[in-house]
Amino acid sequence: MASEGLSRFAADLPTVERFVSLGEGDTPVMELTSLAEHIGLRRLSAKMESQNPTGSYKDRIAAMSLSLALQHGNAGWIATSSGNAGLSMAAYGTRAGMPGFLCMVASAPQEKRLALLPYAVEVVSVDGVGRAGTAQVATALMEQVRLAAAQQNLFLGITAHAFNPSGMRGVDTIGYELAE
């Protein structure tokens, strides 16, 4: 059975006319018996989010974010990333037919950059952010990205609640699936 993506939980998510989907969600649950025993729990399990289309739970955020971008009539999207979020936004942005602009940590591994090649995204490397960065540079970058989004009618697809609370609601579906 193919995944219905986030649309199955539409009543509990921000309202959109159409969900952008690549088949995210419905990831399997794996029992973590050894870890449960080691920490003294009777039972412990985890969702295998690596089974999402681009291999990350961030696909859920990207699916919701791009669905919202279409709903709001944005011209495209802009985000920051050191890898996984950028790949998710690029894949879902391409599925939505929306161009994207990604500010990627300059120290991101080459594998993360190569994975972006098939998608409709412009990538710019940003120095001074990430593990070796400073809070001042990160704050300045986020402000520049926020301003660019506002000026160019781009959806602000940063995967942090402070910048994209509605898009982050895609993560809620992990809990909904666990509750099922």
N, C-alpha and C. Protein backbone atom coordinates (compact mmCIF):
# COMPACT_ATOMS: atom_id res chain seq x y z
N MET A 1 0.84 -1.19 0.00
CA MET A 1 0.00 0.00 0.00
C MET A 1 0.88 1.24 0.00
N ALA A 2 0.61 2.15 -0.89
CA ALA A 2 1.36 3.40 -0.95
C ALA A 2 0.93 4.32 0.19
N SER A 3 1.87 5.08 0.70
CA SER A 3 1.58 6.00 1.79
C SER A 3 0.68 7.13 1.30
N GLU A 4 -0.23 7.52 2.15
CA GLU A 4 -1.08 8.67 1.86
C GLU A 4 -0.40 9.97 2.23
N GLY A 5 0.80 9.86 2.79
CA GLY A 5 1.51 11.05 3.22
C GLY A 5 0.80 11.72 4.37
N LEU A 6 0.93 13.03 4.43
CA LEU A 6 0.34 13.78 5.53
C LEU A 6 -1.15 13.96 5.40
N SER A 7 -1.70 13.79 4.20
CA SER A 7 -3.12 14.08 3.97
C SER A 7 -4.04 13.27 4.86
N ARG A 8 -3.61 12.13 5.30
CA ARG A 8 -4.42 11.29 6.19
C ARG A 8 -4.75 12.02 7.48
N PHE A 9 -3.90 12.96 7.87
CA PHE A 9 -4.08 13.69 9.11
C PHE A 9 -4.51 15.15 8.86
N ALA A 10 -5.09 15.41 7.71
CA ALA A 10 -5.44 16.77 7.30
C ALA A 10 -6.26 17.52 8.35
N ALA A 11 -7.15 16.84 9.02
CA ALA A 11 -8.01 17.50 10.01
C ALA A 11 -7.21 18.06 11.19
N ASP A 12 -6.02 17.53 11.42
CA ASP A 12 -5.20 17.95 12.55
C ASP A 12 -3.99 18.79 12.16
N LEU A 13 -3.91 19.16 10.89
CA LEU A 13 -2.78 19.94 10.38
C LEU A 13 -3.27 21.28 9.83
N PRO A 14 -2.36 22.21 9.56
CA PRO A 14 -2.78 23.46 8.93
C PRO A 14 -3.54 23.17 7.63
N THR A 15 -4.53 23.99 7.36
CA THR A 15 -5.40 23.78 6.21
C THR A 15 -4.69 24.10 4.90
N VAL A 16 -4.72 23.14 3.98
CA VAL A 16 -4.22 23.34 2.62
C VAL A 16 -5.18 22.64 1.67
N GLU A 17 -5.28 23.16 0.44
CA GLU A 17 -6.13 22.53 -0.57
C GLU A 17 -5.52 21.26 -1.10
N ARG A 18 -4.18 21.24 -1.18
CA ARG A 18 -3.49 20.09 -1.75
C ARG A 18 -2.21 19.82 -0.97
N PHE A 19 -2.01 18.57 -0.62
CA PHE A 19 -0.77 18.16 0.04
C PHE A 19 0.25 17.74 -1.01
N VAL A 20 1.45 18.29 -0.88
CA VAL A 20 2.57 17.87 -1.71
C VAL A 20 3.13 16.61 -1.04
N SER A 21 3.27 15.54 -1.81
CA SER A 21 3.71 14.29 -1.21
C SER A 21 4.66 13.52 -2.13
N LEU A 22 5.59 12.85 -1.52
CA LEU A 22 6.46 11.89 -2.20
C LEU A 22 6.31 10.52 -1.54
N GLY A 23 5.28 10.37 -0.70
CA GLY A 23 5.05 9.10 -0.01
C GLY A 23 5.67 9.06 1.37
N GLU A 24 5.85 10.22 1.99
CA GLU A 24 6.43 10.29 3.33
C GLU A 24 5.47 9.70 4.38
N GLY A 25 6.04 9.36 5.50
CA GLY A 25 5.23 8.86 6.61
C GLY A 25 4.97 7.37 6.53
N ASP A 26 4.13 6.92 7.44
CA ASP A 26 3.83 5.49 7.57
C ASP A 26 5.11 4.67 7.70
N THR A 27 6.09 5.23 8.37
CA THR A 27 7.36 4.53 8.56
C THR A 27 7.19 3.42 9.60
N PRO A 28 7.93 2.34 9.45
CA PRO A 28 7.78 1.23 10.39
C PRO A 28 8.27 1.57 11.79
N VAL A 29 7.75 0.84 12.75
CA VAL A 29 8.18 0.95 14.13
C VAL A 29 9.08 -0.24 14.43
N MET A 30 10.22 0.04 15.01
CA MET A 30 11.18 -1.03 15.34
C MET A 30 11.30 -1.14 16.86
N GLU A 31 11.20 -2.34 17.35
CA GLU A 31 11.38 -2.59 18.78
C GLU A 31 12.87 -2.52 19.11
N LEU A 32 13.21 -1.79 20.14
CA LEU A 32 14.59 -1.62 20.58
C LEU A 32 14.79 -2.41 21.88
N THR A 33 14.74 -3.72 21.78
CA THR A 33 14.74 -4.59 22.95
C THR A 33 16.02 -4.50 23.77
N SER A 34 17.16 -4.50 23.13
CA SER A 34 18.43 -4.43 23.86
C SER A 34 18.56 -3.12 24.60
N LEU A 35 18.23 -2.02 23.94
CA LEU A 35 18.32 -0.71 24.59
C LEU A 35 17.31 -0.61 25.73
N ALA A 36 16.11 -1.11 25.51
CA ALA A 36 15.10 -1.10 26.57
C ALA A 36 15.60 -1.84 27.79
N GLU A 37 16.16 -3.00 27.57
CA GLU A 37 16.70 -3.80 28.68
C GLU A 37 17.83 -3.06 29.38
N HIS A 38 18.72 -2.46 28.60
CA HIS A 38 19.88 -1.75 29.15
C HIS A 38 19.46 -0.58 30.05
N ILE A 39 18.41 0.13 29.70
CA ILE A 39 18.00 1.29 30.51
C ILE A 39 16.84 0.97 31.45
N GLY A 40 16.47 -0.30 31.53
CA GLY A 40 15.48 -0.72 32.51
C GLY A 40 14.03 -0.49 32.14
N LEU A 41 13.74 -0.49 30.85
CA LEU A 41 12.36 -0.35 30.40
C LEU A 41 11.81 -1.70 29.94
N ARG A 42 10.53 -1.88 30.13
CA ARG A 42 9.89 -3.11 29.65
C ARG A 42 9.84 -3.15 28.14
N ARG A 43 9.61 -1.97 27.54
CA ARG A 43 9.46 -1.91 26.09
C ARG A 43 9.91 -0.53 25.59
N LEU A 44 10.58 -0.52 24.44
CA LEU A 44 10.99 0.73 23.80
C LEU A 44 10.97 0.50 22.29
N SER A 45 10.44 1.45 21.58
CA SER A 45 10.41 1.34 20.12
C SER A 45 10.70 2.72 19.51
N ALA A 46 11.00 2.71 18.22
CA ALA A 46 11.31 3.95 17.50
C ALA A 46 10.77 3.86 16.09
N LYS A 47 10.38 5.01 15.55
CA LYS A 47 9.96 5.09 14.15
C LYS A 47 11.22 5.09 13.28
N MET A 48 11.18 4.35 12.20
CA MET A 48 12.31 4.27 11.27
C MET A 48 12.16 5.36 10.20
N GLU A 49 12.47 6.58 10.59
CA GLU A 49 12.28 7.72 9.70
C GLU A 49 13.23 7.71 8.51
N SER A 50 14.25 6.89 8.56
CA SER A 50 15.15 6.76 7.41
C SER A 50 14.43 6.14 6.22
N GLN A 51 13.24 5.63 6.42
CA GLN A 51 12.45 5.03 5.34
C GLN A 51 11.65 6.07 4.55
N ASN A 52 11.73 7.33 4.94
CA ASN A 52 11.07 8.39 4.18
C ASN A 52 11.80 8.59 2.85
N PRO A 53 11.16 9.24 1.87
CA PRO A 53 11.74 9.36 0.52
C PRO A 53 13.17 9.88 0.45
N THR A 54 13.53 10.89 1.24
CA THR A 54 14.92 11.36 1.19
C THR A 54 15.71 10.89 2.41
N GLY A 55 15.14 9.99 3.19
CA GLY A 55 15.86 9.37 4.29
C GLY A 55 15.84 10.12 5.60
N SER A 56 14.90 11.04 5.78
CA SER A 56 14.89 11.85 6.99
C SER A 56 13.47 12.20 7.42
N TYR A 57 13.29 12.39 8.72
CA TYR A 57 12.01 12.88 9.23
C TYR A 57 11.71 14.27 8.68
N LYS A 58 12.72 14.95 8.19
CA LYS A 58 12.52 16.30 7.66
C LYS A 58 11.64 16.30 6.40
N ASP A 59 11.43 15.13 5.80
CA ASP A 59 10.50 15.03 4.68
C ASP A 59 9.10 15.44 5.12
N ARG A 60 8.74 15.13 6.34
CA ARG A 60 7.41 15.50 6.86
C ARG A 60 7.29 17.02 6.95
N ILE A 61 8.36 17.67 7.38
CA ILE A 61 8.37 19.14 7.48
C ILE A 61 8.32 19.75 6.09
N ALA A 62 9.11 19.22 5.17
CA ALA A 62 9.13 19.73 3.80
C ALA A 62 7.77 19.54 3.13
N ALA A 63 7.15 18.39 3.33
CA ALA A 63 5.83 18.14 2.74
C ALA A 63 4.82 19.18 3.22
N MET A 64 4.81 19.44 4.52
CA MET A 64 3.87 20.43 5.05
C MET A 64 4.24 21.83 4.58
N SER A 65 5.53 22.15 4.60
CA SER A 65 5.99 23.48 4.20
C SER A 65 5.65 23.78 2.75
N LEU A 66 5.91 22.85 1.84
CA LEU A 66 5.62 23.10 0.43
C LEU A 66 4.13 23.10 0.15
N SER A 67 3.37 22.33 0.91
CA SER A 67 1.91 22.38 0.79
C SER A 67 1.42 23.77 1.20
N LEU A 68 1.99 24.31 2.26
CA LEU A 68 1.63 25.67 2.71
C LEU A 68 2.09 26.72 1.70
N ALA A 69 3.28 26.53 1.12
CA ALA A 69 3.78 27.48 0.12
C ALA A 69 2.83 27.58 -1.06
N LEU A 70 2.34 26.44 -1.52
CA LEU A 70 1.35 26.46 -2.61
C LEU A 70 0.06 27.15 -2.16
N GLN A 71 -0.38 26.82 -0.97
CA GLN A 71 -1.61 27.42 -0.44
C GLN A 71 -1.51 28.94 -0.35
N HIS A 72 -0.34 29.43 0.06
CA HIS A 72 -0.14 30.87 0.22
C HIS A 72 0.20 31.58 -1.09
N GLY A 73 0.41 30.83 -2.15
CA GLY A 73 0.75 31.44 -3.43
C GLY A 73 2.16 31.99 -3.50
N ASN A 74 3.07 31.40 -2.72
CA ASN A 74 4.46 31.84 -2.76
C ASN A 74 5.08 31.56 -4.12
N ALA A 75 6.05 32.38 -4.50
CA ALA A 75 6.74 32.23 -5.78
C ALA A 75 7.78 31.11 -5.73
N GLY A 76 8.18 30.71 -4.55
CA GLY A 76 9.18 29.68 -4.34
C GLY A 76 9.44 29.54 -2.86
N TRP A 77 10.61 29.04 -2.52
CA TRP A 77 10.95 28.83 -1.11
C TRP A 77 12.41 29.16 -0.88
N ILE A 78 12.75 29.40 0.38
CA ILE A 78 14.13 29.65 0.80
C ILE A 78 14.33 28.96 2.14
N ALA A 79 15.51 28.39 2.33
CA ALA A 79 15.81 27.69 3.57
C ALA A 79 17.31 27.70 3.84
N THR A 80 17.65 27.25 5.04
CA THR A 80 19.04 27.03 5.42
C THR A 80 19.20 25.56 5.74
N SER A 81 20.42 25.05 5.59
CA SER A 81 20.61 23.63 5.87
C SER A 81 22.08 23.26 5.94
N SER A 82 22.33 22.17 6.66
CA SER A 82 23.65 21.55 6.61
C SER A 82 23.54 20.22 5.86
N GLY A 83 22.34 19.91 5.36
CA GLY A 83 22.19 18.69 4.57
C GLY A 83 20.78 18.16 4.45
N ASN A 84 20.26 17.50 5.47
CA ASN A 84 18.99 16.78 5.35
C ASN A 84 17.80 17.68 5.05
N ALA A 85 17.70 18.80 5.74
CA ALA A 85 16.56 19.70 5.49
C ALA A 85 16.60 20.23 4.06
N GLY A 86 17.78 20.57 3.59
CA GLY A 86 17.93 21.08 2.23
C GLY A 86 17.51 20.08 1.19
N LEU A 87 17.91 18.82 1.38
CA LEU A 87 17.52 17.78 0.43
C LEU A 87 16.01 17.57 0.45
N SER A 88 15.43 17.56 1.62
CA SER A 88 13.98 17.40 1.72
C SER A 88 13.25 18.55 1.04
N MET A 89 13.66 19.78 1.35
CA MET A 89 13.01 20.94 0.74
C MET A 89 13.19 20.94 -0.77
N ALA A 90 14.36 20.56 -1.25
CA ALA A 90 14.61 20.53 -2.70
C ALA A 90 13.73 19.49 -3.38
N ALA A 91 13.64 18.30 -2.80
CA ALA A 91 12.83 17.24 -3.41
C ALA A 91 11.35 17.61 -3.42
N TYR A 92 10.84 18.10 -2.31
CA TYR A 92 9.43 18.44 -2.23
C TYR A 92 9.13 19.72 -3.01
N GLY A 93 10.08 20.65 -3.04
CA GLY A 93 9.90 21.85 -3.84
C GLY A 93 9.81 21.52 -5.32
N THR A 94 10.64 20.59 -5.77
CA THR A 94 10.58 20.15 -7.16
C THR A 94 9.25 19.47 -7.44
N ARG A 95 8.79 18.61 -6.52
CA ARG A 95 7.49 17.95 -6.69
C ARG A 95 6.36 18.99 -6.80
N ALA A 96 6.48 20.08 -6.02
CA ALA A 96 5.46 21.13 -6.04
C ALA A 96 5.60 22.05 -7.24
N GLY A 97 6.70 21.93 -7.99
CA GLY A 97 6.93 22.82 -9.12
C GLY A 97 7.37 24.20 -8.69
N MET A 98 8.00 24.28 -7.52
CA MET A 98 8.42 25.58 -6.98
C MET A 98 9.94 25.65 -6.90
N PRO A 99 10.53 26.69 -7.45
CA PRO A 99 11.97 26.85 -7.34
C PRO A 99 12.37 27.17 -5.90
N GLY A 100 13.61 26.81 -5.57
CA GLY A 100 14.08 27.06 -4.22
C GLY A 100 15.45 27.66 -4.19
N PHE A 101 15.76 28.25 -3.05
CA PHE A 101 17.05 28.86 -2.79
C PHE A 101 17.51 28.34 -1.44
N LEU A 102 18.68 27.71 -1.42
CA LEU A 102 19.17 27.06 -0.22
C LEU A 102 20.50 27.67 0.21
N CYS A 103 20.54 28.17 1.43
CA CYS A 103 21.78 28.65 2.05
C CYS A 103 22.35 27.47 2.82
N MET A 104 23.41 26.88 2.27
CA MET A 104 23.97 25.66 2.84
C MET A 104 25.28 25.93 3.55
N VAL A 105 25.42 25.32 4.71
CA VAL A 105 26.65 25.43 5.49
C VAL A 105 27.83 25.04 4.59
N ALA A 106 28.82 25.89 4.51
CA ALA A 106 29.95 25.66 3.61
C ALA A 106 30.69 24.35 3.92
N SER A 107 30.65 23.94 5.18
CA SER A 107 31.35 22.72 5.57
C SER A 107 30.52 21.45 5.38
N ALA A 108 29.34 21.57 4.77
CA ALA A 108 28.50 20.39 4.54
C ALA A 108 29.25 19.39 3.66
N PRO A 109 29.12 18.10 3.96
CA PRO A 109 29.82 17.09 3.16
C PRO A 109 29.42 17.12 1.68
N GLN A 110 30.36 16.78 0.84
CA GLN A 110 30.13 16.76 -0.61
C GLN A 110 28.93 15.88 -0.97
N GLU A 111 28.74 14.77 -0.25
CA GLU A 111 27.61 13.87 -0.53
C GLU A 111 26.28 14.59 -0.39
N LYS A 112 26.19 15.51 0.58
CA LYS A 112 24.96 16.28 0.78
C LYS A 112 24.73 17.23 -0.38
N ARG A 113 25.79 17.78 -0.93
CA ARG A 113 25.67 18.70 -2.07
C ARG A 113 25.30 17.95 -3.36
N LEU A 114 25.95 16.82 -3.57
CA LEU A 114 25.68 16.03 -4.78
C LEU A 114 24.23 15.55 -4.83
N ALA A 115 23.67 15.24 -3.69
CA ALA A 115 22.28 14.76 -3.64
C ALA A 115 21.29 15.82 -4.12
N LEU A 116 21.69 17.08 -4.13
CA LEU A 116 20.82 18.18 -4.55
C LEU A 116 20.78 18.38 -6.07
N LEU A 117 21.72 17.80 -6.79
CA LEU A 117 21.85 18.06 -8.23
C LEU A 117 20.58 17.82 -9.05
N PRO A 118 19.77 16.78 -8.78
CA PRO A 118 18.60 16.57 -9.63
C PRO A 118 17.44 17.56 -9.42
N TYR A 119 17.57 18.42 -8.44
CA TYR A 119 16.42 19.24 -8.04
C TYR A 119 16.53 20.70 -8.46
N ALA A 120 15.36 21.34 -8.51
CA ALA A 120 15.25 22.75 -8.90
C ALA A 120 15.57 23.64 -7.69
N VAL A 121 16.85 23.74 -7.37
CA VAL A 121 17.26 24.53 -6.22
C VAL A 121 18.59 25.23 -6.53
N GLU A 122 18.66 26.48 -6.13
CA GLU A 122 19.92 27.21 -6.24
C GLU A 122 20.58 27.15 -4.87
N VAL A 123 21.84 26.74 -4.84
CA VAL A 123 22.55 26.57 -3.58
C VAL A 123 23.67 27.59 -3.46
N VAL A 124 23.73 28.23 -2.32
CA VAL A 124 24.84 29.13 -2.02
C VAL A 124 25.48 28.64 -0.72
N SER A 125 26.81 28.53 -0.73
CA SER A 125 27.55 28.12 0.47
C SER A 125 27.73 29.30 1.40
N VAL A 126 27.52 29.06 2.68
CA VAL A 126 27.63 30.12 3.67
C VAL A 126 28.70 29.75 4.70
N ASP A 127 29.71 30.62 4.80
CA ASP A 127 30.77 30.43 5.80
C ASP A 127 30.34 31.02 7.13
N GLY A 128 30.93 30.49 8.19
CA GLY A 128 30.72 31.07 9.51
C GLY A 128 29.49 30.56 10.24
N VAL A 129 28.81 29.55 9.68
CA VAL A 129 27.67 28.94 10.35
C VAL A 129 27.93 27.45 10.51
N GLY A 130 27.11 26.80 11.28
CA GLY A 130 27.32 25.39 11.53
C GLY A 130 28.16 25.20 12.77
N ARG A 131 28.78 24.04 12.89
CA ARG A 131 29.55 23.70 14.10
C ARG A 131 30.68 24.69 14.38
N ALA A 132 31.32 25.16 13.35
CA ALA A 132 32.45 26.08 13.54
C ALA A 132 32.01 27.54 13.51
N GLY A 133 30.73 27.78 13.43
CA GLY A 133 30.23 29.15 13.29
C GLY A 133 30.02 29.86 14.61
N THR A 134 29.61 31.11 14.49
CA THR A 134 29.32 31.92 15.67
C THR A 134 27.84 32.25 15.70
N ALA A 135 27.35 32.54 16.88
CA ALA A 135 25.94 32.89 17.05
C ALA A 135 25.61 34.18 16.28
N GLN A 136 26.55 35.11 16.25
CA GLN A 136 26.33 36.38 15.55
C GLN A 136 26.11 36.15 14.05
N VAL A 137 26.96 35.32 13.45
CA VAL A 137 26.84 35.05 12.02
C VAL A 137 25.54 34.30 11.75
N ALA A 138 25.20 33.33 12.58
CA ALA A 138 23.97 32.57 12.38
C ALA A 138 22.75 33.47 12.48
N THR A 139 22.74 34.36 13.46
CA THR A 139 21.62 35.29 13.63
C THR A 139 21.50 36.22 12.42
N ALA A 140 22.62 36.73 11.95
CA ALA A 140 22.61 37.62 10.78
C ALA A 140 22.11 36.88 9.54
N LEU A 141 22.54 35.63 9.36
CA LEU A 141 22.08 34.84 8.22
C LEU A 141 20.57 34.64 8.29
N MET A 142 20.07 34.25 9.44
CA MET A 142 18.62 34.00 9.58
C MET A 142 17.83 35.28 9.27
N GLU A 143 18.34 36.42 9.69
CA GLU A 143 17.65 37.68 9.41
C GLU A 143 17.67 37.98 7.91
N GLN A 144 18.81 37.74 7.25
CA GLN A 144 18.89 37.96 5.81
C GLN A 144 17.94 37.03 5.05
N VAL A 145 17.87 35.79 5.47
CA VAL A 145 16.98 34.81 4.83
C VAL A 145 15.52 35.21 5.05
N ARG A 146 15.20 35.63 6.27
CA ARG A 146 13.83 36.07 6.57
C ARG A 146 13.44 37.27 5.71
N LEU A 147 14.34 38.23 5.59
CA LEU A 147 14.07 39.42 4.76
C LEU A 147 13.92 39.04 3.29
N ALA A 148 14.77 38.17 2.78
CA ALA A 148 14.68 37.73 1.38
C ALA A 148 13.34 37.05 1.13
N ALA A 149 12.90 36.24 2.08
CA ALA A 149 11.60 35.57 1.93
C ALA A 149 10.48 36.59 1.81
N ALA A 150 10.51 37.58 2.68
CA ALA A 150 9.45 38.60 2.66
C ALA A 150 9.50 39.44 1.38
N GLN A 151 10.69 39.83 0.96
CA GLN A 151 10.83 40.69 -0.21
C GLN A 151 10.52 39.98 -1.52
N GLN A 152 10.80 38.68 -1.60
CA GLN A 152 10.66 37.95 -2.86
C GLN A 152 9.45 37.01 -2.88
N ASN A 153 8.60 37.08 -1.86
CA ASN A 153 7.42 36.21 -1.76
C ASN A 153 7.81 34.73 -1.77
N LEU A 154 8.80 34.41 -0.95
CA LEU A 154 9.27 33.03 -0.83
C LEU A 154 8.79 32.44 0.50
N PHE A 155 8.47 31.16 0.49
CA PHE A 155 8.10 30.50 1.73
C PHE A 155 9.37 30.29 2.55
N LEU A 156 9.34 30.68 3.81
CA LEU A 156 10.48 30.53 4.70
C LEU A 156 10.48 29.11 5.25
N GLY A 157 11.30 28.25 4.62
CA GLY A 157 11.28 26.82 4.92
C GLY A 157 12.33 26.36 5.90
N ILE A 158 12.76 27.21 6.78
CA ILE A 158 13.75 26.82 7.78
C ILE A 158 13.09 25.81 8.73
N THR A 159 13.81 24.72 9.02
CA THR A 159 13.23 23.67 9.85
C THR A 159 13.50 23.94 11.33
N ALA A 160 12.91 25.03 11.79
CA ALA A 160 12.95 25.42 13.20
C ALA A 160 11.62 26.10 13.52
N HIS A 161 11.05 25.75 14.65
CA HIS A 161 9.72 26.27 15.01
C HIS A 161 9.67 27.79 15.02
N ALA A 162 10.72 28.44 15.46
CA ALA A 162 10.73 29.89 15.54
C ALA A 162 10.53 30.56 14.19
N PHE A 163 10.94 29.90 13.11
CA PHE A 163 10.85 30.49 11.78
C PHE A 163 9.72 29.90 10.94
N ASN A 164 9.31 28.68 11.22
CA ASN A 164 8.36 27.97 10.37
C ASN A 164 7.42 27.10 11.21
N PRO A 165 6.66 27.70 12.13
CA PRO A 165 5.83 26.89 13.03
C PRO A 165 4.79 26.04 12.31
N SER A 166 4.20 26.55 11.26
CA SER A 166 3.17 25.77 10.55
C SER A 166 3.79 24.61 9.78
N GLY A 167 4.92 24.83 9.14
CA GLY A 167 5.59 23.76 8.42
C GLY A 167 6.10 22.67 9.36
N MET A 168 6.55 23.08 10.53
CA MET A 168 7.04 22.12 11.52
C MET A 168 5.94 21.17 12.00
N ARG A 169 4.69 21.53 11.76
CA ARG A 169 3.57 20.68 12.16
C ARG A 169 3.59 19.33 11.45
N GLY A 170 4.34 19.23 10.35
CA GLY A 170 4.47 17.94 9.68
C GLY A 170 5.05 16.88 10.59
N VAL A 171 5.89 17.28 11.54
CA VAL A 171 6.49 16.35 12.49
C VAL A 171 5.42 15.76 13.42
N ASP A 172 4.34 16.50 13.62
CA ASP A 172 3.26 15.99 14.48
C ASP A 172 2.78 14.62 14.02
N THR A 173 2.89 14.37 12.71
CA THR A 173 2.36 13.11 12.18
C THR A 173 3.12 11.89 12.69
N ILE A 174 4.35 12.07 13.18
CA ILE A 174 5.06 10.95 13.81
C ILE A 174 4.26 10.51 15.03
N GLY A 175 3.86 11.46 15.84
CA GLY A 175 3.07 11.16 17.03
C GLY A 175 1.71 10.57 16.67
N TYR A 176 1.07 11.10 15.64
CA TYR A 176 -0.23 10.57 15.23
C TYR A 176 -0.11 9.11 14.82
N GLU A 177 0.97 8.80 14.08
CA GLU A 177 1.17 7.41 13.66
C GLU A 177 1.45 6.51 14.85
N LEU A 178 2.22 6.99 15.80
CA LEU A 178 2.50 6.19 17.00
C LEU A 178 1.22 5.94 17.79
N ALA A 179 0.37 6.95 17.85
CA ALA A 179 -0.90 6.81 18.59
C ALA A 179 -1.80 5.77 17.92
N GLU A 180 -1.72 5.67 16.60
CA GLU A 180 -2.53 4.67 15.89
C GLU A 180 -2.10 3.26 16.29
